[in-house]
Protein backbone atom coordinates (compact mmCIF):
# COMPACT_ATOMS: atom_id res chain seq x y z
CA UNK A 1 -1.11 34.15 -33.97
CA UNK A 2 -0.60 33.01 -29.75
CA UNK A 3 1.02 33.80 -27.19
CA UNK A 4 2.93 31.28 -24.75
CA UNK A 5 3.67 31.17 -21.20
CA UNK A 6 7.11 30.35 -19.90
CA UNK A 7 6.48 26.65 -18.85
CA UNK A 8 5.06 26.01 -22.80
CA UNK A 9 8.89 27.53 -24.06
CA UNK A 10 10.45 24.85 -21.98
CA UNK A 11 8.25 22.24 -22.66
CA UNK A 12 8.30 22.61 -26.43
CA UNK A 13 12.13 22.81 -26.62
CA UNK A 14 12.85 20.07 -23.87
CA UNK A 15 9.72 17.87 -23.26
CA UNK A 16 7.01 18.18 -25.89
CA UNK A 17 5.52 15.21 -24.63
CA UNK A 18 4.18 17.39 -21.84
CA UNK A 19 2.10 19.42 -24.59
CA UNK A 20 -1.49 18.95 -24.74
CA UNK A 21 -2.77 17.94 -28.21
CA UNK A 22 -4.54 21.06 -29.01
CA UNK A 23 -1.34 23.02 -27.42
CA UNK A 24 0.72 21.37 -29.70
CA UNK A 25 -1.33 22.09 -32.35
CA UNK A 26 -1.79 25.32 -32.24
CA UNK A 27 1.48 25.48 -31.55
CA UNK A 28 2.32 23.83 -34.92
CA UNK A 29 -0.06 26.24 -36.92
CA UNK A 30 1.04 29.78 -35.32
CA UNK A 31 4.47 28.53 -35.74
CA UNK A 32 3.57 28.18 -40.05
CA UNK A 33 1.39 31.17 -40.11
CA UNK A 34 1.83 34.42 -38.11
CA UNK A 35 3.92 33.54 -35.38
CA UNK A 36 4.09 32.70 -31.51
CA UNK A 37 4.14 35.66 -29.15
CA UNK A 38 7.11 35.25 -25.93
CA UNK A 39 6.90 37.92 -23.44
CA UNK A 40 10.35 39.21 -23.15
CA UNK A 41 10.20 38.57 -19.41
CA UNK A 42 9.87 34.75 -19.97
CA UNK A 43 13.33 34.97 -21.26
CA UNK A 44 14.42 36.45 -17.82
CA UNK A 45 12.11 33.58 -15.79
CA UNK A 46 14.00 30.93 -17.30
CA UNK A 47 17.15 32.79 -16.60
CA UNK A 48 16.39 32.45 -12.96
CA UNK A 49 15.14 28.99 -13.30
CA UNK A 50 18.29 28.04 -15.01
CA UNK A 51 20.41 29.61 -11.86
CA UNK A 52 18.56 28.58 -9.25
CA UNK A 53 18.88 24.73 -11.02
CA UNK A 54 15.18 24.31 -10.99
CA UNK A 55 15.72 23.83 -15.09
CA UNK A 56 18.74 22.07 -15.34
CA UNK A 57 19.95 22.08 -19.30
CA UNK A 58 23.83 20.76 -20.52
CA UNK A 59 24.04 24.00 -22.43
CA UNK A 60 24.92 27.70 -21.03
CA UNK A 61 21.74 30.02 -20.76
CA UNK A 62 22.81 31.95 -23.91
CA UNK A 63 23.23 29.35 -26.10
CA UNK A 64 19.79 27.42 -24.98
CA UNK A 65 18.01 30.95 -25.88
CA UNK A 66 19.55 31.11 -28.86
CA UNK A 67 18.41 27.81 -30.13
CA UNK A 68 14.96 27.84 -28.47
CA UNK A 69 14.35 31.40 -30.52
CA UNK A 70 15.54 30.05 -33.96
CA UNK A 71 13.63 27.02 -33.68
CA UNK A 72 10.29 28.44 -33.91
CA UNK A 73 9.12 31.48 -35.54
CA UNK A 74 8.69 33.07 -32.29
CA UNK A 75 8.01 36.72 -31.83
CA UNK A 76 9.87 38.72 -28.48
CA UNK A 77 7.64 41.43 -27.05
CA UNK A 78 8.70 43.74 -24.50
CA UNK A 79 6.83 45.35 -21.87
CA UNK A 80 5.18 48.42 -23.50
CA UNK A 81 2.88 51.04 -21.64
CA UNK A 82 -0.41 49.36 -22.72
CA UNK A 83 1.20 45.93 -21.63
CA UNK A 84 2.01 47.52 -17.94
CA UNK A 85 -1.13 49.18 -17.73
CA UNK A 86 -3.13 46.04 -18.67
CA UNK A 87 -1.08 44.08 -16.09
CA UNK A 88 -1.54 46.19 -12.75
CA UNK A 89 -5.27 46.32 -13.85
CA UNK A 90 -5.88 42.65 -13.88
CA UNK A 91 -8.60 41.45 -11.31
CA UNK A 92 -7.47 39.10 -8.52
CA UNK A 93 -8.52 35.87 -10.61
CA UNK A 94 -4.68 35.93 -12.36
CA UNK A 95 -2.28 35.36 -9.29
CA UNK A 96 -0.06 38.37 -8.22
CA UNK A 97 3.09 37.15 -10.06
CA UNK A 98 4.45 39.71 -11.74
CA UNK A 99 5.73 37.45 -14.73
CA UNK A 100 2.49 35.91 -15.21
CA UNK A 101 0.65 38.87 -14.83
CA UNK A 102 2.77 40.73 -17.57
CA UNK A 103 2.68 37.33 -19.72
CA UNK A 104 -1.40 37.56 -19.40
CA UNK A 105 -1.41 41.67 -20.42
CA UNK A 106 0.92 40.86 -23.48
CA UNK A 107 -1.65 38.07 -24.83
CA UNK A 108 -4.30 40.38 -24.05
CA UNK A 109 -2.14 43.78 -25.64
CA UNK A 110 -1.99 41.62 -29.06
CA UNK A 111 -5.35 40.13 -28.58
CA UNK A 112 -3.49 36.47 -28.82
CA UNK A 113 -4.66 33.61 -26.79
CA UNK A 114 -2.54 32.21 -24.19
CA UNK A 115 -1.28 28.54 -24.35
CA UNK A 116 -0.47 27.50 -20.99
CA UNK A 117 -1.42 24.79 -18.40
CA UNK A 118 -1.53 27.53 -15.68
CA UNK A 119 -4.38 25.95 -13.79
CA UNK A 120 -4.90 29.83 -12.32
CA UNK A 121 -4.73 30.83 -15.43
CA UNK A 122 -7.30 28.54 -17.27
CA UNK A 123 -9.59 29.23 -14.74
CA UNK A 124 -9.69 32.95 -15.32
CA UNK A 125 -12.71 34.63 -17.09
CA UNK A 126 -10.44 37.59 -18.11
CA UNK A 127 -8.01 36.17 -20.58
CA UNK A 128 -8.91 33.88 -23.24
CA UNK A 129 -6.50 30.62 -22.94
CA UNK A 130 -5.44 27.68 -24.90
CA UNK A 131 -4.59 24.19 -23.32
């Protein structure tokens, strides 16, 4: 099982060539086995990207998200007390963006490595990442 960052959800759906070979491989493997965790905060991030026109897609948000969720063995995870606690206690090496902190904490809570291309997260010693 893996967790994927918001941009990985978008890239996998719309621009799979942006994924590293290793990321694509672990996504395919998790999709066939025990699933891919998506933090529900990623749904909000994608909605905001579309609202701000930083992500332009020809279908409405709800239709896009429904297609994305049904396309893979995605497992949506919300914020739990444990995830909230982990997120506020992450070291400063994890940036201060609340969504990134919640995604990282979700990954840690479920002991599922985070697939991300975020250089700041890749450098962190606090979380296991794959890229």
